[in-house]
Amino acid sequence: MGIPGAFGSVLLEGLVSALLYGLTTLQTYLYFMHYSEDASTMKFLVFAIWILDTLHVSFICHVLYYYLITNYGVPTSLEYLVWSLPASLVVNALVIAAAQCFFAHKIYYLCRPQSLTLS
């Protein structure tokens, strides 16, 4: 594929990520406008995931800027990773862990044995 083809696909992935971040921001805004009566822990989880997603997109934009603008045409810059690439992977892993723990908790809550009370 070569370096130009690889950079083209990385740029497209970054643009799609930014588009999906915009949708996440819209969903976060609509959540806080329409579900103000939800528990504070749920609001905190939504806000924390939105902040982590903001960090992730910021780091990805930095990676793209570093490789495609600052070091364009400098093949030696590909010998090591810029700091924001591993940071974005860590932040993305935190988002995934938070979402999966939330769903695991909801599934456990829905599937727990119901106690029968006889009156």
PDB file of N, CA and C in Angstrom:
ATOM      1  N   MET A   1       0.827  -1.188   0.000  1.00  0.00           N
ATOM      2  CA  MET A   1       0.000   0.000   0.000  1.00  0.00           C
ATOM      3  C   MET A   1       0.870   1.249   0.000  1.00  0.00           C
ATOM      4  N   GLY A   2       1.909   1.291   0.774  1.00  0.00           N
ATOM      5  CA  GLY A   2       2.784   2.446   0.809  1.00  0.00           C
ATOM      6  C   GLY A   2       2.346   3.483   1.825  1.00  0.00           C
ATOM      7  N   ILE A   3       3.223   4.441   2.049  1.00  0.00           N
ATOM      8  CA  ILE A   3       2.963   5.467   3.057  1.00  0.00           C
ATOM      9  C   ILE A   3       1.784   6.370   2.691  1.00  0.00           C
ATOM     10  N   PRO A   4       1.663   6.874   1.440  1.00  0.00           N
ATOM     11  CA  PRO A   4       0.506   7.750   1.150  1.00  0.00           C
ATOM     12  C   PRO A   4      -0.837   7.051   1.322  1.00  0.00           C
ATOM     13  N   GLY A   5      -0.939   5.802   0.917  1.00  0.00           N
ATOM     14  CA  GLY A   5      -2.194   5.074   1.087  1.00  0.00           C
ATOM     15  C   GLY A   5      -2.519   4.824   2.547  1.00  0.00           C
ATOM     16  N   ALA A   6      -1.511   4.520   3.329  1.00  0.00           N
ATOM     17  CA  ALA A   6      -1.726   4.286   4.755  1.00  0.00           C
ATOM     18  C   ALA A   6      -2.164   5.571   5.445  1.00  0.00           C
ATOM     19  N   PHE A   7      -1.521   6.691   5.108  1.00  0.00           N
ATOM     20  CA  PHE A   7      -1.903   7.956   5.715  1.00  0.00           C
ATOM     21  C   PHE A   7      -3.299   8.378   5.289  1.00  0.00           C
ATOM     22  N   GLY A   8      -3.674   8.063   4.052  1.00  0.00           N
ATOM     23  CA  GLY A   8      -5.024   8.393   3.595  1.00  0.00           C
ATOM     24  C   GLY A   8      -6.082   7.664   4.395  1.00  0.00           C
ATOM     25  N   SER A   9      -5.851   6.381   4.660  1.00  0.00           N
ATOM     26  CA  SER A   9      -6.836   5.628   5.447  1.00  0.00           C
ATOM     27  C   SER A   9      -6.867   6.098   6.893  1.00  0.00           C
ATOM     28  N   VAL A  10      -5.720   6.461   7.436  1.00  0.00           N
ATOM     29  CA  VAL A  10      -5.683   6.979   8.811  1.00  0.00           C
ATOM     30  C   VAL A  10      -6.428   8.306   8.896  1.00  0.00           C
ATOM     31  N   LEU A  11      -6.261   9.160   7.892  1.00  0.00           N
ATOM     32  CA  LEU A  11      -6.976  10.436   7.877  1.00  0.00           C
ATOM     33  C   LEU A  11      -8.482  10.213   7.799  1.00  0.00           C
ATOM     34  N   LEU A  12      -8.922   9.291   6.953  1.00  0.00           N
ATOM     35  CA  LEU A  12     -10.359   8.994   6.865  1.00  0.00           C
ATOM     36  C   LEU A  12     -10.898   8.449   8.183  1.00  0.00           C
ATOM     37  N   GLU A  13     -10.128   7.590   8.832  1.00  0.00           N
ATOM     38  CA  GLU A  13     -10.557   7.058  10.131  1.00  0.00           C
ATOM     39  C   GLU A  13     -10.658   8.176  11.168  1.00  0.00           C
ATOM     40  N   GLY A  14      -9.735   9.120  11.134  1.00  0.00           N
ATOM     41  CA  GLY A  14      -9.796  10.256  12.050  1.00  0.00           C
ATOM     42  C   GLY A  14     -11.007  11.130  11.795  1.00  0.00           C
ATOM     43  N   LEU A  15     -11.339  11.328  10.517  1.00  0.00           N
ATOM     44  CA  LEU A  15     -12.521  12.136  10.184  1.00  0.00           C
ATOM     45  C   LEU A  15     -13.812  11.436  10.613  1.00  0.00           C
ATOM     46  N   VAL A  16     -13.884  10.132  10.413  1.00  0.00           N
ATOM     47  CA  VAL A  16     -15.065   9.382  10.864  1.00  0.00           C
ATOM     48  C   VAL A  16     -15.169   9.428  12.387  1.00  0.00           C
ATOM     49  N   SER A  17     -14.033   9.339  13.060  1.00  0.00           N
ATOM     50  CA  SER A  17     -14.028   9.426  14.521  1.00  0.00           C
ATOM     51  C   SER A  17     -14.536  10.790  14.979  1.00  0.00           C
ATOM     52  N   ALA A  18     -14.130  11.850  14.300  1.00  0.00           N
ATOM     53  CA  ALA A  18     -14.608  13.192  14.655  1.00  0.00           C
ATOM     54  C   ALA A  18     -16.104  13.334  14.389  1.00  0.00           C
ATOM     55  N   LEU A  19     -16.588  12.730  13.302  1.00  0.00           N
ATOM     56  CA  LEU A  19     -18.022  12.749  13.010  1.00  0.00           C
ATOM     57  C   LEU A  19     -18.806  12.031  14.103  1.00  0.00           C
ATOM     58  N   LEU A  20     -18.342  10.863  14.507  1.00  0.00           N
ATOM     59  CA  LEU A  20     -19.027  10.125  15.561  1.00  0.00           C
ATOM     60  C   LEU A  20     -18.945  10.847  16.900  1.00  0.00           C
ATOM     61  N   TYR A  21     -17.857  11.573  17.129  1.00  0.00           N
ATOM     62  CA  TYR A  21     -17.757  12.378  18.349  1.00  0.00           C
ATOM     63  C   TYR A  21     -18.824  13.470  18.358  1.00  0.00           C
ATOM     64  N   GLY A  22     -19.076  14.057  17.203  1.00  0.00           N
ATOM     65  CA  GLY A  22     -20.144  15.058  17.116  1.00  0.00           C
ATOM     66  C   GLY A  22     -21.494  14.469  17.476  1.00  0.00           C
ATOM     67  N   LEU A  23     -21.759  13.253  17.010  1.00  0.00           N
ATOM     68  CA  LEU A  23     -23.015  12.585  17.364  1.00  0.00           C
ATOM     69  C   LEU A  23     -23.067  12.269  18.859  1.00  0.00           C
ATOM     70  N   THR A  24     -21.931  11.879  19.430  1.00  0.00           N
ATOM     71  CA  THR A  24     -21.875  11.616  20.870  1.00  0.00           C
ATOM     72  C   THR A  24     -22.152  12.888  21.664  1.00  0.00           C
ATOM     73  N   THR A  25     -21.612  13.994  21.205  1.00  0.00           N
ATOM     74  CA  THR A  25     -21.853  15.269  21.885  1.00  0.00           C
ATOM     75  C   THR A  25     -23.334  15.643  21.822  1.00  0.00           C
ATOM     76  N   LEU A  26     -23.941  15.440  20.671  1.00  0.00           N
ATOM     77  CA  LEU A  26     -25.373  15.715  20.535  1.00  0.00           C
ATOM     78  C   LEU A  26     -26.190  14.816  21.462  1.00  0.00           C
ATOM     79  N   GLN A  27     -25.857  13.528  21.511  1.00  0.00           N
ATOM     80  CA  GLN A  27     -26.583  12.614  22.392  1.00  0.00           C
ATOM     81  C   GLN A  27     -26.398  12.993  23.859  1.00  0.00           C
ATOM     82  N   THR A  28     -25.198  13.421  24.230  1.00  0.00           N
ATOM     83  CA  THR A  28     -24.953  13.841  25.611  1.00  0.00           C
ATOM     84  C   THR A  28     -25.786  15.070  25.956  1.00  0.00           C
ATOM     85  N   TYR A  29     -25.835  16.025  25.055  1.00  0.00           N
ATOM     86  CA  TYR A  29     -26.634  17.223  25.269  1.00  0.00           C
ATOM     87  C   TYR A  29     -28.118  16.868  25.410  1.00  0.00           C
ATOM     88  N   LEU A  30     -28.623  16.028  24.511  1.00  0.00           N
ATOM     89  CA  LEU A  30     -30.036  15.637  24.578  1.00  0.00           C
ATOM     90  C   LEU A  30     -30.341  14.851  25.848  1.00  0.00           C
ATOM     91  N   TYR A  31     -29.383  14.027  26.289  1.00  0.00           N
ATOM     92  CA  TYR A  31     -29.584  13.279  27.525  1.00  0.00           C
ATOM     93  C   TYR A  31     -29.761  14.236  28.701  1.00  0.00           C
ATOM     94  N   PHE A  32     -28.883  15.204  28.828  1.00  0.00           N
ATOM     95  CA  PHE A  32     -28.968  16.131  29.960  1.00  0.00           C
ATOM     96  C   PHE A  32     -30.181  17.046  29.867  1.00  0.00           C
ATOM     97  N   MET A  33     -30.678  17.315  28.685  1.00  0.00           N
ATOM     98  CA  MET A  33     -31.868  18.159  28.534  1.00  0.00           C
ATOM     99  C   MET A  33     -33.151  17.385  28.838  1.00  0.00           C
ATOM    100  N   HIS A  34     -33.214  16.113  28.468  1.00  0.00           N
ATOM    101  CA  HIS A  34     -34.471  15.370  28.576  1.00  0.00           C
ATOM    102  C   HIS A  34     -34.552  14.418  29.772  1.00  0.00           C
ATOM    103  N   TYR A  35     -33.440  14.064  30.371  1.00  0.00           N
ATOM    104  CA  TYR A  35     -33.457  13.103  31.471  1.00  0.00           C
ATOM    105  C   TYR A  35     -32.809  13.694  32.714  1.00  0.00           C
ATOM    106  N   SER A  36     -33.259  14.852  33.082  1.00  0.00           N
ATOM    107  CA  SER A  36     -32.681  15.529  34.251  1.00  0.00           C
ATOM    108  C   SER A  36     -33.046  14.842  35.560  1.00  0.00           C
ATOM    109  N   GLU A  37     -34.048  13.969  35.545  1.00  0.00           N
ATOM    110  CA  GLU A  37     -34.460  13.291  36.777  1.00  0.00           C
ATOM    111  C   GLU A  37     -33.689  12.006  37.034  1.00  0.00           C
ATOM    112  N   ASP A  38     -32.775  11.614  36.143  1.00  0.00           N
ATOM    113  CA  ASP A  38     -31.973  10.402  36.358  1.00  0.00           C
ATOM    114  C   ASP A  38     -31.070  10.562  37.581  1.00  0.00           C
ATOM    115  N   ALA A  39     -30.606   9.426  38.068  1.00  0.00           N
ATOM    116  CA  ALA A  39     -29.737   9.422  39.245  1.00  0.00           C
ATOM    117  C   ALA A  39     -28.421  10.135  38.940  1.00  0.00           C
ATOM    118  N   SER A  40     -27.830  10.678  39.972  1.00  0.00           N
ATOM    119  CA  SER A  40     -26.589  11.430  39.786  1.00  0.00           C
ATOM    120  C   SER A  40     -25.439  10.531  39.334  1.00  0.00           C
ATOM    121  N   THR A  41     -25.475   9.244  39.715  1.00  0.00           N
ATOM    122  CA  THR A  41     -24.425   8.334  39.250  1.00  0.00           C
ATOM    123  C   THR A  41     -24.519   8.111  37.744  1.00  0.00           C
ATOM    124  N   MET A  42     -25.726   8.050  37.227  1.00  0.00           N
ATOM    125  CA  MET A  42     -25.905   7.893  35.787  1.00  0.00           C
ATOM    126  C   MET A  42     -25.437   9.144  35.049  1.00  0.00           C
ATOM    127  N   LYS A  43     -25.772  10.305  35.596  1.00  0.00           N
ATOM    128  CA  LYS A  43     -25.320  11.561  34.981  1.00  0.00           C
ATOM    129  C   LYS A  43     -23.793  11.649  34.996  1.00  0.00           C
ATOM    130  N   PHE A  44     -23.195  11.229  36.104  1.00  0.00           N
ATOM    131  CA  PHE A  44     -21.739  11.247  36.191  1.00  0.00           C
ATOM    132  C   PHE A  44     -21.115  10.306  35.171  1.00  0.00           C
ATOM    133  N   LEU A  45     -21.687   9.126  34.995  1.00  0.00           N
ATOM    134  CA  LEU A  45     -21.162   8.172  34.023  1.00  0.00           C
ATOM    135  C   LEU A  45     -21.243   8.723  32.608  1.00  0.00           C
ATOM    136  N   VAL A  46     -22.364   9.325  32.263  1.00  0.00           N
ATOM    137  CA  VAL A  46     -22.520   9.908  30.924  1.00  0.00           C
ATOM    138  C   VAL A  46     -21.512  11.033  30.725  1.00  0.00           C
ATOM    139  N   PHE A  47     -21.360  11.888  31.723  1.00  0.00           N
ATOM    140  CA  PHE A  47     -20.416  12.994  31.612  1.00  0.00           C
ATOM    141  C   PHE A  47     -18.974  12.494  31.530  1.00  0.00           C
ATOM    142  N   ALA A  48     -18.630  11.490  32.343  1.00  0.00           N
ATOM    143  CA  ALA A  48     -17.263  10.954  32.332  1.00  0.00           C
ATOM    144  C   ALA A  48     -16.932  10.314  30.987  1.00  0.00           C
ATOM    145  N   ILE A  49     -17.877   9.570  30.420  1.00  0.00           N
ATOM    146  CA  ILE A  49     -17.625   8.962  29.119  1.00  0.00           C
ATOM    147  C   ILE A  49     -17.495  10.034  28.043  1.00  0.00           C
ATOM    148  N   TRP A  50     -18.278  11.091  28.138  1.00  0.00           N
ATOM    149  CA  TRP A  50     -18.159  12.174  27.157  1.00  0.00           C
ATOM    150  C   TRP A  50     -16.805  12.872  27.275  1.00  0.00           C
ATOM    151  N   ILE A  51     -16.336  13.100  28.501  1.00  0.00           N
ATOM    152  CA  ILE A  51     -15.017  13.718  28.703  1.00  0.00           C
ATOM    153  C   ILE A  51     -13.918  12.811  28.154  1.00  0.00           C
ATOM    154  N   LEU A  52     -14.009  11.520  28.432  1.00  0.00           N
ATOM    155  CA  LEU A  52     -13.007  10.586  27.919  1.00  0.00           C
ATOM    156  C   LEU A  52     -13.034  10.531  26.390  1.00  0.00           C
ATOM    157  N   ASP A  53     -14.211  10.592  25.812  1.00  0.00           N
ATOM    158  CA  ASP A  53     -14.315  10.600  24.349  1.00  0.00           C
ATOM    159  C   ASP A  53     -13.723  11.884  23.780  1.00  0.00           C
ATOM    160  N   THR A  54     -13.910  12.995  24.472  1.00  0.00           N
ATOM    161  CA  THR A  54     -13.303  14.253  24.055  1.00  0.00           C
ATOM    162  C   THR A  54     -11.777  14.146  24.067  1.00  0.00           C
ATOM    163  N   LEU A  55     -11.238  13.559  25.117  1.00  0.00           N
ATOM    164  CA  LEU A  55      -9.793  13.349  25.189  1.00  0.00           C
ATOM    165  C   LEU A  55      -9.311  12.456  24.045  1.00  0.00           C
ATOM    166  N   HIS A  56     -10.064  11.386  23.789  1.00  0.00           N
ATOM    167  CA  HIS A  56      -9.686  10.451  22.722  1.00  0.00           C
ATOM    168  C   HIS A  56      -9.622  11.154  21.367  1.00  0.00           C
ATOM    169  N   VAL A  57     -10.627  11.929  21.033  1.00  0.00           N
ATOM    170  CA  VAL A  57     -10.646  12.625  19.741  1.00  0.00           C
ATOM    171  C   VAL A  57      -9.543  13.678  19.698  1.00  0.00           C
ATOM    172  N   SER A  58      -9.284  14.342  20.805  1.00  0.00           N
ATOM    173  CA  SER A  58      -8.194  15.329  20.843  1.00  0.00           C
ATOM    174  C   SER A  58      -6.850  14.661  20.586  1.00  0.00           C
ATOM    175  N   PHE A  59      -6.627  13.517  21.202  1.00  0.00           N
ATOM    176  CA  PHE A  59      -5.367  12.805  20.984  1.00  0.00           C
ATOM    177  C   PHE A  59      -5.240  12.322  19.544  1.00  0.00           C
ATOM    178  N   ILE A  60      -6.336  11.837  18.968  1.00  0.00           N
ATOM    179  CA  ILE A  60      -6.297  11.385  17.576  1.00  0.00           C
ATOM    180  C   ILE A  60      -6.008  12.561  16.642  1.00  0.00           C
ATOM    181  N   CYS A  61      -6.603  13.712  16.917  1.00  0.00           N
ATOM    182  CA  CYS A  61      -6.307  14.911  16.101  1.00  0.00           C
ATOM    183  C   CYS A  61      -4.840  15.297  16.227  1.00  0.00           C
ATOM    184  N   HIS A  62      -4.280  15.159  17.418  1.00  0.00           N
ATOM    185  CA  HIS A  62      -2.856  15.452  17.587  1.00  0.00           C
ATOM    186  C   HIS A  62      -1.992  14.478  16.800  1.00  0.00           C
ATOM    187  N   VAL A  63      -2.337  13.204  16.827  1.00  0.00           N
ATOM    188  CA  VAL A  63      -1.588  12.207  16.049  1.00  0.00           C
ATOM    189  C   VAL A  63      -1.629  12.556  14.567  1.00  0.00           C
ATOM    190  N   LEU A  64      -2.814  12.860  14.055  1.00  0.00           N
ATOM    191  CA  LEU A  64      -2.947  13.204  12.643  1.00  0.00           C
ATOM    192  C   LEU A  64      -2.152  14.459  12.305  1.00  0.00           C
ATOM    193  N   TYR A  65      -2.225  15.469  13.141  1.00  0.00           N
ATOM    194  CA  TYR A  65      -1.483  16.705  12.888  1.00  0.00           C
ATOM    195  C   TYR A  65       0.025  16.449  12.909  1.00  0.00           C
ATOM    196  N   TYR A  66       0.466  15.643  13.870  1.00  0.00           N
ATOM    197  CA  TYR A  66       1.892  15.366  14.014  1.00  0.00           C
ATOM    198  C   TYR A  66       2.447  14.658  12.784  1.00  0.00           C
ATOM    199  N   TYR A  67       1.771  13.601  12.357  1.00  0.00           N
ATOM    200  CA  TYR A  67       2.306  12.813  11.243  1.00  0.00           C
ATOM    201  C   TYR A  67       1.994  13.417   9.871  1.00  0.00           C
ATOM    202  N   LEU A  68       0.834  14.047   9.721  1.00  0.00           N
ATOM    203  CA  LEU A  68       0.430  14.510   8.389  1.00  0.00           C
ATOM    204  C   LEU A  68       0.764  15.972   8.114  1.00  0.00           C
ATOM    205  N   ILE A  69       1.006  16.777   9.132  1.00  0.00           N
ATOM    206  CA  ILE A  69       1.312  18.191   8.932  1.00  0.00           C
ATOM    207  C   ILE A  69       2.742  18.503   9.379  1.00  0.00           C
ATOM    208  N   THR A  70       3.004  18.302  10.660  1.00  0.00           N
ATOM    209  CA  THR A  70       4.304  18.682  11.210  1.00  0.00           C
ATOM    210  C   THR A  70       5.446  17.890  10.574  1.00  0.00           C
ATOM    211  N   ASN A  71       5.295  16.588  10.454  1.00  0.00           N
ATOM    212  CA  ASN A  71       6.370  15.726   9.953  1.00  0.00           C
ATOM    213  C   ASN A  71       6.052  15.135   8.592  1.00  0.00           C
ATOM    214  N   TYR A  72       5.334  15.862   7.777  1.00  0.00           N
ATOM    215  CA  TYR A  72       5.032  15.381   6.431  1.00  0.00           C
ATOM    216  C   TYR A  72       6.326  15.296   5.623  1.00  0.00           C
ATOM    217  N   GLY A  73       6.565  14.157   5.029  1.00  0.00           N
ATOM    218  CA  GLY A  73       7.762  13.960   4.220  1.00  0.00           C
ATOM    219  C   GLY A  73       9.008  13.659   5.023  1.00  0.00           C
ATOM    220  N   VAL A  74       8.855  13.396   6.322  1.00  0.00           N
ATOM    221  CA  VAL A  74       9.996  13.046   7.169  1.00  0.00           C
ATOM    222  C   VAL A  74       9.832  11.583   7.577  1.00  0.00           C
ATOM    223  N   PRO A  75      10.400  10.655   6.799  1.00  0.00           N
ATOM    224  CA  PRO A  75      10.186   9.233   7.097  1.00  0.00           C
ATOM    225  C   PRO A  75      10.769   8.795   8.434  1.00  0.00           C
ATOM    226  N   THR A  76      11.754   9.516   8.945  1.00  0.00           N
ATOM    227  CA  THR A  76      12.327   9.112  10.235  1.00  0.00           C
ATOM    228  C   THR A  76      11.355   9.346  11.390  1.00  0.00           C
ATOM    229  N   SER A  77      10.334  10.185  11.169  1.00  0.00           N
ATOM    230  CA  SER A  77       9.350  10.403  12.242  1.00  0.00           C
ATOM    231  C   SER A  77       8.480   9.171  12.465  1.00  0.00           C
ATOM    232  N   LEU A  78       8.501   8.233  11.517  1.00  0.00           N
ATOM    233  CA  LEU A  78       7.703   7.015  11.663  1.00  0.00           C
ATOM    234  C   LEU A  78       8.403   5.946  12.499  1.00  0.00           C
ATOM    235  N   GLU A  79       9.638   6.228  12.922  1.00  0.00           N
ATOM    236  CA  GLU A  79      10.398   5.234  13.681  1.00  0.00           C
ATOM    237  C   GLU A  79       9.916   5.092  15.118  1.00  0.00           C
ATOM    238  N   TYR A  80       9.199   6.073  15.617  1.00  0.00           N
ATOM    239  CA  TYR A  80       8.687   6.002  16.986  1.00  0.00           C
ATOM    240  C   TYR A  80       7.277   6.569  17.020  1.00  0.00           C
ATOM    241  N   LEU A  81       6.570   6.229  18.087  1.00  0.00           N
ATOM    242  CA  LEU A  81       5.193   6.693  18.245  1.00  0.00           C
ATOM    243  C   LEU A  81       5.176   8.042  18.948  1.00  0.00           C
ATOM    244  N   VAL A  82       4.303   8.906  18.478  1.00  0.00           N
ATOM    245  CA  VAL A  82       4.088  10.157  19.184  1.00  0.00           C
ATOM    246  C   VAL A  82       3.299   9.835  20.463  1.00  0.00           C
ATOM    247  N   TRP A  83       3.481  10.629  21.508  1.00  0.00           N
ATOM    248  CA  TRP A  83       2.923  10.327  22.825  1.00  0.00           C
ATOM    249  C   TRP A  83       1.405  10.196  22.829  1.00  0.00           C
ATOM    250  N   SER A  84       0.733  10.917  21.934  1.00  0.00           N
ATOM    251  CA  SER A  84      -0.729  10.933  21.976  1.00  0.00           C
ATOM    252  C   SER A  84      -1.363   9.658  21.427  1.00  0.00           C
ATOM    253  N   LEU A  85      -0.625   8.857  20.658  1.00  0.00           N
ATOM    254  CA  LEU A  85      -1.199   7.609  20.152  1.00  0.00           C
ATOM    255  C   LEU A  85      -1.413   6.588  21.270  1.00  0.00           C
ATOM    256  N   PRO A  86      -0.404   6.269  22.098  1.00  0.00           N
ATOM    257  CA  PRO A  86      -0.686   5.362  23.220  1.00  0.00           C
ATOM    258  C   PRO A  86      -1.679   5.955  24.215  1.00  0.00           C
ATOM    259  N   ALA A  87      -1.647   7.282  24.390  1.00  0.00           N
ATOM    260  CA  ALA A  87      -2.597   7.922  25.308  1.00  0.00           C
ATOM    261  C   ALA A  87      -4.027   7.748  24.813  1.00  0.00           C
ATOM    262  N   SER A  88      -4.233   7.850  23.498  1.00  0.00           N
ATOM    263  CA  SER A  88      -5.586   7.664  22.960  1.00  0.00           C
ATOM    264  C   SER A  88      -6.048   6.227  23.124  1.00  0.00           C
ATOM    265  N   LEU A  89      -5.126   5.284  23.021  1.00  0.00           N
ATOM    266  CA  LEU A  89      -5.498   3.883  23.221  1.00  0.00           C
ATOM    267  C   LEU A  89      -5.905   3.617  24.667  1.00  0.00           C
ATOM    268  N   VAL A  90      -5.191   4.224  25.614  1.00  0.00           N
ATOM    269  CA  VAL A  90      -5.537   4.062  27.035  1.00  0.00           C
ATOM    270  C   VAL A  90      -6.904   4.674  27.325  1.00  0.00           C
ATOM    271  N   VAL A  91      -7.155   5.867  26.804  1.00  0.00           N
ATOM    272  CA  VAL A  91      -8.440   6.533  27.032  1.00  0.00           C
ATOM    273  C   VAL A  91      -9.567   5.732  26.394  1.00  0.00           C
ATOM    274  N   ASN A  92      -9.338   5.208  25.196  1.00  0.00           N
ATOM    275  CA  ASN A  92     -10.351   4.387  24.531  1.00  0.00           C
ATOM    276  C   ASN A  92     -10.634   3.118  25.332  1.00  0.00           C
ATOM    277  N   ALA A  93      -9.604   2.523  25.907  1.00  0.00           N
ATOM    278  CA  ALA A  93      -9.802   1.336  26.750  1.00  0.00           C
ATOM    279  C   ALA A  93     -10.628   1.676  27.988  1.00  0.00           C
ATOM    280  N   LEU A  94     -10.434   2.868  28.552  1.00  0.00           N
ATOM    281  CA  LEU A  94     -11.235   3.293  29.711  1.00  0.00           C
ATOM    282  C   LEU A  94     -12.705   3.472  29.338  1.00  0.00           C
ATOM    283  N   VAL A  95     -12.961   4.035  28.159  1.00  0.00           N
ATOM    284  CA  VAL A  95     -14.347   4.197  27.696  1.00  0.00           C
ATOM    285  C   VAL A  95     -14.994   2.823  27.523  1.00  0.00           C
ATOM    286  N   ILE A  96     -14.282   1.909  26.903  1.00  0.00           N
ATOM    287  CA  ILE A  96     -14.820   0.563  26.686  1.00  0.00           C
ATOM    288  C   ILE A  96     -15.093  -0.127  28.013  1.00  0.00           C
ATOM    289  N   ALA A  97     -14.154  -0.023  28.957  1.00  0.00           N
ATOM    290  CA  ALA A  97     -14.338  -0.669  30.260  1.00  0.00           C
ATOM    291  C   ALA A  97     -15.534  -0.088  31.004  1.00  0.00           C
ATOM    292  N   ALA A  98     -15.688   1.226  30.968  1.00  0.00           N
ATOM    293  CA  ALA A  98     -16.818   1.857  31.663  1.00  0.00           C
ATOM    294  C   ALA A  98     -18.144   1.416  31.053  1.00  0.00           C
ATOM    295  N   ALA A  99     -18.225   1.389  29.735  1.00  0.00           N
ATOM    296  CA  ALA A  99     -19.475   0.988  29.082  1.00  0.00           C
ATOM    297  C   ALA A  99     -19.788  -0.480  29.345  1.00  0.00           C
ATOM    298  N   GLN A 100     -18.783  -1.334  29.283  1.00  0.00           N
ATOM    299  CA  GLN A 100     -19.037  -2.759  29.516  1.00  0.00           C
ATOM    300  C   GLN A 100     -19.396  -3.045  30.968  1.00  0.00           C
ATOM    301  N   CYS A 101     -18.780  -2.343  31.903  1.00  0.00           N
ATOM    302  CA  CYS A 101     -19.157  -2.511  33.311  1.00  0.00           C
ATOM    303  C   CYS A 101     -20.585  -2.047  33.562  1.00  0.00           C
ATOM    304  N   PHE A 102     -20.979  -0.954  32.915  1.00  0.00           N
ATOM    305  CA  PHE A 102     -22.353  -0.476  33.044  1.00  0.00           C
ATOM    306  C   PHE A 102     -23.333  -1.522  32.537  1.00  0.00           C
ATOM    307  N   PHE A 103     -23.081  -2.071  31.353  1.00  0.00           N
ATOM    308  CA  PHE A 103     -23.994  -3.075  30.797  1.00  0.00           C
ATOM    309  C   PHE A 103     -23.971  -4.366  31.611  1.00  0.00           C
ATOM    310  N   ALA A 104     -22.815  -4.763  32.114  1.00  0.00           N
ATOM    311  CA  ALA A 104     -22.744  -5.959  32.961  1.00  0.00           C
ATOM    312  C   ALA A 104     -23.563  -5.754  34.233  1.00  0.00           C
ATOM    313  N   HIS A 105     -23.504  -4.568  34.823  1.00  0.00           N
ATOM    314  CA  HIS A 105     -24.291  -4.275  36.013  1.00  0.00           C
ATOM    315  C   HIS A 105     -25.787  -4.320  35.702  1.00  0.00           C
ATOM    316  N   LYS A 106     -26.192  -3.760  34.569  1.00  0.00           N
ATOM    317  CA  LYS A 106     -27.604  -3.775  34.191  1.00  0.00           C
ATOM    318  C   LYS A 106     -28.095  -5.198  33.932  1.00  0.00           C
ATOM    319  N   ILE A 107     -27.294  -6.015  33.269  1.00  0.00           N
ATOM    320  CA  ILE A 107     -27.676  -7.408  33.010  1.00  0.00           C
ATOM    321  C   ILE A 107     -27.782  -8.178  34.323  1.00  0.00           C
ATOM    322  N   TYR A 108     -26.832  -7.955  35.241  1.00  0.00           N
ATOM    323  CA  TYR A 108     -26.901  -8.619  36.542  1.00  0.00           C
ATOM    324  C   TYR A 108     -28.169  -8.198  37.288  1.00  0.00           C
ATOM    325  N   TYR A 109     -28.489  -6.918  37.232  1.00  0.00           N
ATOM    326  CA  TYR A 109     -29.667  -6.409  37.919  1.00  0.00           C
ATOM    327  C   TYR A 109     -30.941  -7.013  37.334  1.00  0.00           C
ATOM    328  N   LEU A 110     -31.003  -7.143  36.023  1.00  0.00           N
ATOM    329  CA  LEU A 110     -32.197  -7.692  35.379  1.00  0.00           C
ATOM    330  C   LEU A 110     -32.328  -9.202  35.559  1.00  0.00           C
ATOM    331  N   CYS A 111     -31.222  -9.909  35.717  1.00  0.00           N
ATOM    332  CA  CYS A 111     -31.247 -11.377  35.781  1.00  0.00           C
ATOM    333  C   CYS A 111     -31.128 -11.929  37.194  1.00  0.00           C
ATOM    334  N   ARG A 112     -31.061 -11.082  38.190  1.00  0.00           N
ATOM    335  CA  ARG A 112     -30.918 -11.600  39.556  1.00  0.00           C
ATOM    336  C   ARG A 112     -32.190 -12.324  39.962  1.00  0.00           C
ATOM    337  N   PRO A 113     -32.059 -13.280  40.860  1.00  0.00           N
ATOM    338  CA  PRO A 113     -33.254 -14.023  41.294  1.00  0.00           C
ATOM    339  C   PRO A 113     -34.218 -13.102  42.044  1.00  0.00           C
ATOM    340  N   GLN A 114     -35.469 -13.222  41.725  1.00  0.00           N
ATOM    341  CA  GLN A 114     -36.494 -12.424  42.398  1.00  0.00           C
ATOM    342  C   GLN A 114     -36.980 -13.182  43.635  1.00  0.00           C
ATOM    343  N   SER A 115     -37.067 -12.481  44.732  1.00  0.00           N
ATOM    344  CA  SER A 115     -37.561 -13.107  45.946  1.00  0.00           C
ATOM    345  C   SER A 115     -39.089 -12.998  45.972  1.00  0.00           C
ATOM    346  N   LEU A 116     -39.727 -14.074  46.353  1.00  0.00           N
ATOM    347  CA  LEU A 116     -41.179 -14.096  46.431  1.00  0.00           C
ATOM    348  C   LEU A 116     -41.601 -13.761  47.862  1.00  0.00           C
ATOM    349  N   THR A 117     -42.495 -12.851  47.988  1.00  0.00           N
ATOM    350  CA  THR A 117     -43.026 -12.519  49.310  1.00  0.00           C
ATOM    351  C   THR A 117     -44.502 -12.918  49.321  1.00  0.00           C
ATOM    352  N   LEU A 118     -44.833 -13.700  50.305  1.00  0.00           N
ATOM    353  CA  LEU A 118     -46.227 -14.140  50.464  1.00  0.00           C
ATOM    354  C   LEU A 118     -46.870 -13.342  51.565  1.00  0.00           C
ATOM    355  N   SER A 119     -48.004 -12.783  51.286  1.00  0.00           N
ATOM    356  CA  SER A 119     -48.702 -12.026  52.305  1.00  0.00           C
ATOM    357  C   SER A 119     -50.021 -12.680  52.622  1.00  0.00           C
TER     358      SER A 119
END
